[in-house]
Amino acid sequence: MTSDVVIVGAGPAGASAGIVLARAGARVRILDRAAFPRDKLCGDTINPGALARLRALGVADAIEARGLGVAGMRVTGASGIAVEGRYPDGLSGCAIVRRDLDRLVLEAAVQSGCQFDPGVTVRGVSVSESGGARTVTGVLVGGRRRGEMAISAPITIAADGRHSTIAFGLGLAQHPRSPRRWAIGAYFTDFAPERWRRRAGGVPEAVVGEMHIRAGRYLGVAAVPGGLTNVCLVKPSGPADPLLADPAALLLGELARDPLLADRAAAARLVAPPVVLGPLAVDVAQAAFDGLLLAGDASGFIDPMTGDGLRFAVHGGELAASAALDALAGGWTGVHARFRASRARAFAGKWRFNRAVRAIVSSPRAIDAATLGSRIAPAIMRAVIAHAGDCRAAC
């Protein structure tokens, strides 16, 4: 197949880009080193803003049919203060195991006309130089034993995650010195649920997402289909941290010591060993190479405290696809500038919000102040929850 666009990475960013491109008539080839479905560390919740983007792509119905509705969020502080907020205007999110989400979005991309090649390892990109300008002309795949093979295409979209081979290989990505946080995530059975409590009408309870903020760290808890609970701890650490050598003991110990979670986790059992990922944050300079666009976590990654990483992925994939169509139609002049501007319009406000929340978690004094503010004016925290859920983007 001769391709107009090669997409590296078949997760939500790459698959969403593929859907948009293929439906616009472009010939799209998606490559991934994994075979799908595959497991991936994630909070497993889709906020209302992300669900709206998936609905625009026509895949939300299949996702909601397999997931659990999420009516809002419950946020707790170290001092025991808890604030529950329902998403406004009847909006809801969805909790679904990430392997199922990724499979459904990728299936939609294939049904839209994309070619998908699993089990393909991308080693880097092909670059041509002319007049001092460098242009990406495709990707290099394969390994040492069989040798590398070039797959050519006018446009390459790197959607290969926060450890992007392409972004790091071109010197566009780096891990910042601070913050250096790592995530430890696992599935549990028999984890006692926390549910949204309506105060009137006897309406059946609905699942809520949970964020438990502690000094320097936080725990996300999400009920998912199949009677499982996803628990993810994010904390400052490093590759030499001895605690990371036994992630199960680290996660279980954190739950056992937590005054609000210990009772709920007392009878819980791990389904499989925890997954460890880090350092989380990645800073990326937007590609200045004609022929190359970055999408999803490959374009930069901020600690996923507000649960909107999937909106950044899906919407970012859509924006990369629009930029690719722009380049296919009229060449690369001005494409990167327009792409940067579209990303700034879509994400800049939320990036600032996420950095502010991350700073609060890093400061015990800031946590105490936020907790006190929640006690005095819980409506403020509910407004924060609505913003964290990208509810404005969902309307």
Protein backbone atom coordinates (compact mmCIF):
# COMPACT_ATOMS: atom_id res chain seq x y z
CA MET A 1 0.00 0.00 0.00
CA THR A 2 1.32 3.43 -0.95
CA SER A 3 0.55 5.72 1.96
CA ASP A 4 -0.11 9.43 2.23
CA VAL A 5 0.41 9.25 5.98
CA VAL A 6 2.27 6.79 8.19
CA ILE A 7 1.18 6.89 11.83
CA VAL A 8 3.52 5.42 14.43
CA GLY A 9 1.48 4.27 17.41
CA ALA A 10 -2.02 2.77 17.43
CA GLY A 11 -3.22 4.17 20.75
CA PRO A 12 -6.02 6.74 21.02
CA ALA A 13 -3.97 9.58 19.48
CA GLY A 14 -2.77 7.59 16.47
CA ALA A 15 -6.08 5.82 15.91
CA SER A 16 -8.06 9.07 16.20
CA ALA A 17 -5.77 10.73 13.67
CA GLY A 18 -6.24 7.74 11.39
CA ILE A 19 -10.03 7.96 11.60
CA VAL A 20 -10.05 11.63 10.58
CA LEU A 21 -7.54 11.14 7.77
CA ALA A 22 -9.08 8.00 6.29
CA ARG A 23 -12.57 9.47 6.30
CA ALA A 24 -11.15 12.48 4.43
CA GLY A 25 -9.83 10.14 1.73
CA ALA A 26 -6.17 9.88 2.74
CA ARG A 27 -4.32 6.58 2.49
CA VAL A 28 -3.22 5.78 6.03
CA ARG A 29 -0.92 3.12 7.44
CA ILE A 30 -0.74 2.68 11.23
CA LEU A 31 2.25 0.88 12.75
CA ASP A 32 2.63 -0.40 16.31
CA ARG A 33 5.13 -2.70 17.96
CA ALA A 34 2.33 -4.35 19.96
CA ALA A 35 -0.51 -6.61 18.93
CA PHE A 36 -3.90 -5.37 20.08
CA PRO A 37 -5.58 -5.64 22.49
CA ARG A 38 -2.71 -4.94 24.85
CA ASP A 39 -2.50 -3.73 28.42
CA LYS A 40 -1.36 -0.21 29.31
CA LEU A 41 -0.98 1.63 32.59
CA CYS A 42 -3.80 4.19 32.78
CA GLY A 43 -6.37 5.55 35.20
CA ASP A 44 -9.06 3.93 33.01
CA THR A 45 -11.45 6.88 33.18
CA ILE A 46 -12.60 9.07 30.32
CA ASN A 47 -13.79 12.49 31.39
CA PRO A 48 -16.79 14.22 29.73
CA GLY A 49 -14.57 16.30 27.45
CA ALA A 50 -12.72 13.26 26.14
CA LEU A 51 -15.98 11.34 25.73
CA ALA A 52 -17.35 14.22 23.65
CA ARG A 53 -14.36 13.97 21.29
CA LEU A 54 -14.90 10.22 20.97
CA ARG A 55 -18.59 10.84 20.31
CA ALA A 56 -17.65 13.19 17.46
CA LEU A 57 -15.60 10.35 15.98
CA GLY A 58 -18.57 7.98 16.25
CA VAL A 59 -17.04 5.54 18.74
CA ALA A 60 -18.55 6.67 22.06
CA ASP A 61 -21.59 4.35 21.88
CA ALA A 62 -19.42 1.23 21.72
CA ILE A 63 -17.26 2.52 24.57
CA GLU A 64 -20.19 3.44 26.82
CA ALA A 65 -21.82 0.06 26.15
CA ARG A 66 -18.77 -1.66 27.66
CA GLY A 67 -17.97 0.86 30.38
CA LEU A 68 -19.41 2.27 33.59
CA GLY A 69 -20.93 5.73 33.73
CA VAL A 70 -18.99 8.24 35.83
CA ALA A 71 -21.18 10.98 37.32
CA GLY A 72 -18.48 13.12 38.89
CA MET A 73 -15.43 13.11 41.11
CA ARG A 74 -14.60 12.75 44.79
CA VAL A 75 -11.51 14.62 45.95
CA THR A 76 -10.02 14.11 49.40
CA GLY A 77 -7.16 15.73 51.28
CA ALA A 78 -4.74 14.38 53.85
CA SER A 79 -6.71 15.93 56.72
CA GLY A 80 -9.81 13.90 55.84
CA ILE A 81 -11.81 16.60 54.06
CA ALA A 82 -13.73 15.16 51.12
CA VAL A 83 -15.59 17.04 48.39
CA GLU A 84 -17.89 15.32 45.92
CA GLY A 85 -18.86 17.07 42.73
CA ARG A 86 -21.32 15.99 40.09
CA TYR A 87 -20.50 16.94 36.53
CA PRO A 88 -22.88 19.76 35.49
CA ASP A 89 -25.67 19.75 32.91
CA GLY A 90 -26.19 15.99 33.04
CA LEU A 91 -22.73 15.30 31.64
CA SER A 92 -20.95 12.07 32.47
CA GLY A 93 -17.70 10.31 31.83
CA CYS A 94 -16.93 6.63 31.43
CA ALA A 95 -14.73 4.07 33.17
CA ILE A 96 -13.38 1.36 30.88
CA VAL A 97 -10.27 -0.80 30.92
CA ARG A 98 -7.68 0.79 28.67
CA ARG A 99 -7.06 -2.32 26.57
CA ASP A 100 -10.76 -2.30 25.61
CA LEU A 101 -10.82 1.43 24.87
CA ASP A 102 -7.76 1.26 22.62
CA ARG A 103 -9.11 -1.75 20.77
CA LEU A 104 -12.43 -0.06 20.04
CA VAL A 105 -10.87 3.15 18.72
CA LEU A 106 -8.36 1.20 16.61
CA GLU A 107 -11.15 -0.96 15.17
CA ALA A 108 -12.95 2.23 14.14
CA ALA A 109 -9.78 3.41 12.39
CA VAL A 110 -9.49 0.15 10.46
CA GLN A 111 -13.18 0.27 9.56
CA SER A 112 -12.62 3.81 8.30
CA GLY A 113 -10.01 2.54 5.85
CA CYS A 114 -6.68 2.56 7.69
CA GLN A 115 -4.21 -0.27 7.23
CA PHE A 116 -2.92 -1.54 10.57
CA ASP A 117 0.37 -3.38 10.90
CA PRO A 118 0.98 -4.78 14.41
CA GLY A 119 4.29 -6.13 15.66
CA VAL A 120 6.32 -3.52 13.76
CA THR A 121 9.19 -1.83 15.58
CA VAL A 122 9.99 1.68 14.37
CA ARG A 123 13.66 2.54 14.89
CA GLY A 124 13.56 6.11 13.66
CA VAL A 125 12.72 8.32 10.70
CA SER A 126 14.21 8.82 7.26
CA VAL A 127 15.44 12.37 6.77
CA SER A 128 16.47 14.16 3.58
CA GLU A 129 18.38 17.45 3.51
CA SER A 130 18.16 20.16 0.90
CA GLY A 131 19.38 23.73 1.19
CA GLY A 132 19.93 23.33 4.93
CA ALA A 133 16.35 22.21 5.51
CA ARG A 134 15.57 18.72 6.78
CA THR A 135 12.45 16.85 5.74
CA VAL A 136 11.13 13.60 7.20
CA THR A 137 10.34 11.23 4.36
CA GLY A 138 9.13 8.19 6.27
CA VAL A 139 10.18 5.73 8.98
CA LEU A 140 12.78 3.02 9.47
CA VAL A 141 11.46 -0.28 10.77
CA GLY A 142 12.95 -3.63 11.64
CA GLY A 143 15.82 -4.80 13.78
CA ARG A 144 19.43 -5.76 13.87
CA ARG A 145 18.93 -9.31 12.66
CA ARG A 146 16.83 -8.57 9.60
CA GLY A 147 18.16 -5.08 9.01
CA GLU A 148 16.21 -1.88 8.75
CA MET A 149 13.66 -1.19 6.05
CA ALA A 150 12.34 2.20 5.01
CA ILE A 151 8.63 2.89 4.73
CA SER A 152 8.18 6.10 2.77
CA ALA A 153 5.32 8.57 3.09
CA PRO A 154 4.93 12.32 2.56
CA ILE A 155 3.77 12.67 6.18
CA THR A 156 4.68 10.85 9.37
CA ILE A 157 2.66 11.30 12.56
CA ALA A 158 4.56 10.24 15.68
CA ALA A 159 1.98 9.03 18.19
CA ASP A 160 4.28 6.52 19.83
CA GLY A 161 3.84 7.58 23.43
CA ARG A 162 5.78 9.42 26.11
CA HIS A 163 8.94 7.40 25.38
CA SER A 164 8.58 8.25 21.70
CA THR A 165 11.43 6.74 19.72
CA ILE A 166 10.95 9.45 17.12
CA ALA A 167 10.74 12.49 19.42
CA PHE A 168 13.67 11.40 21.58
CA GLY A 169 15.66 10.21 18.58
CA LEU A 170 15.42 13.64 16.93
CA GLY A 171 16.34 15.44 20.15
CA LEU A 172 12.89 16.99 20.49
CA ALA A 173 11.98 15.37 23.83
CA GLN A 174 13.51 15.31 27.27
CA HIS A 175 12.53 14.52 30.85
CA PRO A 176 12.57 17.73 32.91
CA ARG A 177 14.67 17.79 36.07
CA SER A 178 11.55 18.51 38.07
CA PRO A 179 9.08 17.05 38.73
CA ARG A 180 10.33 13.45 38.69
CA ARG A 181 7.27 11.39 39.51
CA TRP A 182 6.63 7.70 38.92
CA ALA A 183 3.32 5.85 38.69
CA ILE A 184 2.53 2.46 40.20
CA GLY A 185 -0.78 1.01 39.05
CA ALA A 186 -2.67 -2.25 39.51
CA TYR A 187 -6.10 -3.87 39.43
CA PHE A 188 -7.74 -5.20 42.58
CA THR A 189 -10.70 -7.42 43.34
CA ASP A 190 -12.85 -6.93 46.47
CA PHE A 191 -11.93 -3.26 46.83
CA ALA A 192 -14.89 -1.72 48.66
CA PRO A 193 -16.58 0.85 46.41
CA GLU A 194 -17.07 4.54 46.94
CA ARG A 195 -20.15 5.81 45.15
CA TRP A 196 -21.82 9.10 44.48
CA ARG A 197 -24.44 9.71 47.18
CA ARG A 198 -27.50 11.61 46.09
CA ARG A 199 -29.06 13.54 48.94
CA ALA A 200 -32.65 13.41 47.70
CA GLY A 201 -35.07 11.38 45.63
CA GLY A 202 -33.71 7.89 46.22
CA VAL A 203 -32.12 7.90 42.77
CA PRO A 204 -29.71 4.96 42.26
CA GLU A 205 -26.13 5.78 42.98
CA ALA A 206 -23.65 6.36 40.17
CA VAL A 207 -19.94 5.66 40.14
CA VAL A 208 -17.57 8.55 40.74
CA GLY A 209 -13.91 8.92 39.95
CA GLU A 210 -11.67 9.42 42.96
CA MET A 211 -8.57 11.52 43.56
CA HIS A 212 -6.94 11.27 46.98
CA ILE A 213 -4.36 14.03 47.37
CA ARG A 214 -1.65 13.53 49.93
CA ALA A 215 1.56 15.38 50.69
CA GLY A 216 3.71 15.11 47.57
CA ARG A 217 1.69 12.30 46.03
CA TYR A 218 -1.79 11.24 45.03
CA LEU A 219 -3.86 8.09 44.58
CA GLY A 220 -6.42 7.63 41.82
CA VAL A 221 -9.12 5.01 42.36
CA ALA A 222 -11.59 3.93 39.68
CA ALA A 223 -14.13 1.13 39.54
CA VAL A 224 -14.02 -0.55 36.12
CA PRO A 225 -16.12 -3.27 34.46
CA GLY A 226 -15.71 -6.85 35.64
CA GLY A 227 -15.80 -6.06 39.34
CA LEU A 228 -12.26 -4.65 39.30
CA THR A 229 -10.85 -1.48 40.80
CA ASN A 230 -7.95 0.41 39.25
CA VAL A 231 -5.63 1.94 41.85
CA CYS A 232 -2.77 4.16 40.74
CA LEU A 233 -0.21 5.84 43.00
CA VAL A 234 1.85 8.74 41.67
CA LYS A 235 4.79 9.85 43.82
CA PRO A 236 8.19 11.51 43.59
CA SER A 237 10.81 8.88 42.93
CA GLY A 238 13.66 7.82 40.70
CA PRO A 239 15.07 4.68 39.12
CA ALA A 240 17.35 4.10 42.13
CA ASP A 241 14.48 4.31 44.63
CA PRO A 242 14.60 1.03 46.61
CA LEU A 243 10.82 1.16 47.09
CA LEU A 244 10.31 0.66 43.35
CA ALA A 245 12.04 -2.70 43.61
CA ASP A 246 8.89 -4.06 45.26
CA PRO A 247 5.99 -2.07 43.76
CA ALA A 248 3.35 -4.40 45.22
CA ALA A 249 4.60 -3.76 48.77
CA LEU A 250 4.79 -0.03 48.03
CA LEU A 251 1.22 0.18 46.74
CA LEU A 252 -0.27 -2.09 49.42
CA GLY A 253 1.59 -0.23 52.15
CA GLU A 254 0.33 3.12 50.89
CA LEU A 255 -3.26 1.87 50.96
CA ALA A 256 -2.89 0.26 54.39
CA ARG A 257 -1.60 3.52 55.91
CA ASP A 258 -4.19 5.77 54.35
CA PRO A 259 -6.93 6.73 56.84
CA LEU A 260 -9.61 7.00 54.15
CA LEU A 261 -8.67 3.98 52.04
CA ALA A 262 -7.35 1.39 54.52
CA ASP A 263 -10.76 -0.10 55.40
CA ARG A 264 -11.84 -0.24 51.77
CA ALA A 265 -8.61 -1.99 50.76
CA ALA A 266 -8.48 -4.40 53.71
CA ALA A 267 -9.98 -7.33 51.81
CA ALA A 268 -8.68 -6.31 48.37
CA ARG A 269 -6.47 -8.64 46.36
CA LEU A 270 -4.12 -7.85 43.51
CA VAL A 271 -5.13 -9.38 40.18
CA ALA A 272 -1.60 -9.15 38.77
CA PRO A 273 1.70 -7.53 39.76
CA PRO A 274 1.63 -3.71 39.59
CA VAL A 275 3.00 -1.85 36.60
CA VAL A 276 5.60 0.86 37.18
CA LEU A 277 6.10 3.81 34.85
CA GLY A 278 8.36 6.84 35.07
CA PRO A 279 9.62 9.43 35.09
CA LEU A 280 6.25 10.71 33.94
CA ALA A 281 6.75 14.27 32.76
CA VAL A 282 8.15 14.82 29.26
CA ASP A 283 8.89 18.19 27.68
CA VAL A 284 8.80 18.28 23.88
CA ALA A 285 9.72 20.99 21.40
CA GLN A 286 7.20 20.93 18.60
CA ALA A 287 8.70 19.45 15.46
CA ALA A 288 10.09 21.91 12.95
CA PHE A 289 10.67 19.16 10.41
CA ASP A 290 8.52 19.24 7.33
CA GLY A 291 6.98 15.81 6.91
CA LEU A 292 6.60 15.22 10.66
CA LEU A 293 3.83 15.91 13.18
CA LEU A 294 3.64 14.84 16.83
CA ALA A 295 0.47 13.72 18.58
CA GLY A 296 -0.60 12.38 21.95
CA ASP A 297 1.99 11.77 24.65
CA ALA A 298 4.74 11.97 22.01
CA SER A 299 4.01 15.71 21.83
CA GLY A 300 4.57 16.19 25.58
CA PHE A 301 3.27 14.72 28.80
CA ILE A 302 2.12 16.33 32.06
CA ASP A 303 1.33 14.26 35.14
CA PRO A 304 -2.24 13.05 34.52
CA MET A 305 -3.74 14.39 37.77
CA THR A 306 -6.94 15.70 36.26
CA GLY A 307 -7.65 12.56 34.23
CA ASP A 308 -7.76 14.40 30.92
CA GLY A 309 -4.79 12.72 29.25
CA LEU A 310 -7.20 10.93 26.95
CA ARG A 311 -8.73 14.20 25.76
CA PHE A 312 -5.25 15.50 24.98
CA ALA A 313 -4.62 12.25 23.07
CA VAL A 314 -7.86 12.07 21.08
CA HIS A 315 -8.19 15.78 20.33
CA GLY A 316 -4.45 16.03 19.69
CA GLY A 317 -4.76 13.22 17.16
CA GLU A 318 -7.59 15.05 15.44
CA LEU A 319 -5.56 18.27 15.27
CA ALA A 320 -2.54 16.40 13.87
CA ALA A 321 -4.79 14.86 11.23
CA SER A 322 -6.13 18.29 10.27
CA ALA A 323 -2.56 19.59 9.95
CA ALA A 324 -1.65 16.60 7.80
CA LEU A 325 -4.58 17.25 5.49
CA ASP A 326 -3.50 20.90 5.35
CA ALA A 327 0.01 19.82 4.25
CA LEU A 328 -1.27 17.30 1.71
CA ALA A 329 -3.47 19.95 0.13
CA GLY A 330 -1.07 22.89 -0.02
CA GLY A 331 2.42 21.96 1.12
CA TRP A 332 4.15 22.70 4.39
CA THR A 333 4.36 26.48 4.33
CA GLY A 334 2.73 27.73 7.53
CA VAL A 335 1.48 24.28 8.58
CA HIS A 336 3.58 24.00 11.74
CA ALA A 337 2.62 27.50 12.89
CA ARG A 338 -1.07 26.81 12.36
CA PHE A 339 -0.74 23.45 14.11
CA ARG A 340 0.93 25.05 17.14
CA ALA A 341 -1.78 27.70 17.26
CA SER A 342 -4.58 25.14 17.11
CA ARG A 343 -3.00 23.13 19.93
CA ALA A 344 -2.59 26.26 22.04
CA ARG A 345 -6.25 27.18 21.57
CA ALA A 346 -7.34 23.67 22.51
CA PHE A 347 -4.99 22.93 25.38
CA ALA A 348 -3.09 25.93 26.78
CA GLY A 349 -5.64 26.76 29.46
CA LYS A 350 -5.81 23.18 30.68
CA TRP A 351 -2.01 22.85 30.66
CA ARG A 352 -1.82 25.85 33.01
CA PHE A 353 -4.52 24.36 35.20
CA ASN A 354 -2.72 21.01 35.41
CA ARG A 355 0.57 22.66 36.34
CA ALA A 356 -1.18 24.61 39.09
CA VAL A 357 -2.75 21.45 40.51
CA ARG A 358 0.60 19.68 40.31
CA ALA A 359 2.21 22.53 42.27
CA ILE A 360 -0.46 22.21 44.98
CA VAL A 361 0.27 18.51 45.39
CA SER A 362 3.97 19.28 45.79
CA SER A 363 3.35 21.65 48.71
CA PRO A 364 1.85 20.50 52.05
CA ARG A 365 0.94 24.12 52.86
CA ALA A 366 -0.87 24.48 49.56
CA ILE A 367 -2.78 21.25 50.22
CA ASP A 368 -3.85 22.54 53.64
CA ALA A 369 -4.98 25.84 52.12
CA ALA A 370 -6.92 24.07 49.37
CA THR A 371 -8.51 21.75 51.95
CA LEU A 372 -9.57 24.69 54.10
CA GLY A 373 -10.98 26.45 51.07
CA SER A 374 -12.98 23.34 50.17
CA ARG A 375 -14.43 23.23 53.68
CA ILE A 376 -15.44 26.89 53.64
CA ALA A 377 -16.68 27.03 50.05
CA PRO A 378 -17.24 23.55 48.58
CA ALA A 379 -18.79 25.13 45.48
CA ILE A 380 -15.31 26.26 44.48
CA MET A 381 -14.06 22.67 44.51
CA ARG A 382 -17.09 21.56 42.53
CA ALA A 383 -16.24 24.18 39.93
CA VAL A 384 -12.67 22.84 39.87
CA ILE A 385 -14.03 19.31 39.34
CA ALA A 386 -16.13 20.50 36.41
CA HIS A 387 -13.07 22.16 34.90
CA ALA A 388 -10.94 19.08 35.54
CA GLY A 389 -13.53 17.03 33.68
CA ASP A 390 -13.32 19.29 30.61
CA CYS A 391 -17.06 19.79 30.93
CA ARG A 392 -17.00 23.04 28.94
CA ALA A 393 -15.38 21.17 26.05
CA ALA A 394 -18.15 18.57 26.25
CA CYS A 395 -21.00 21.10 25.86
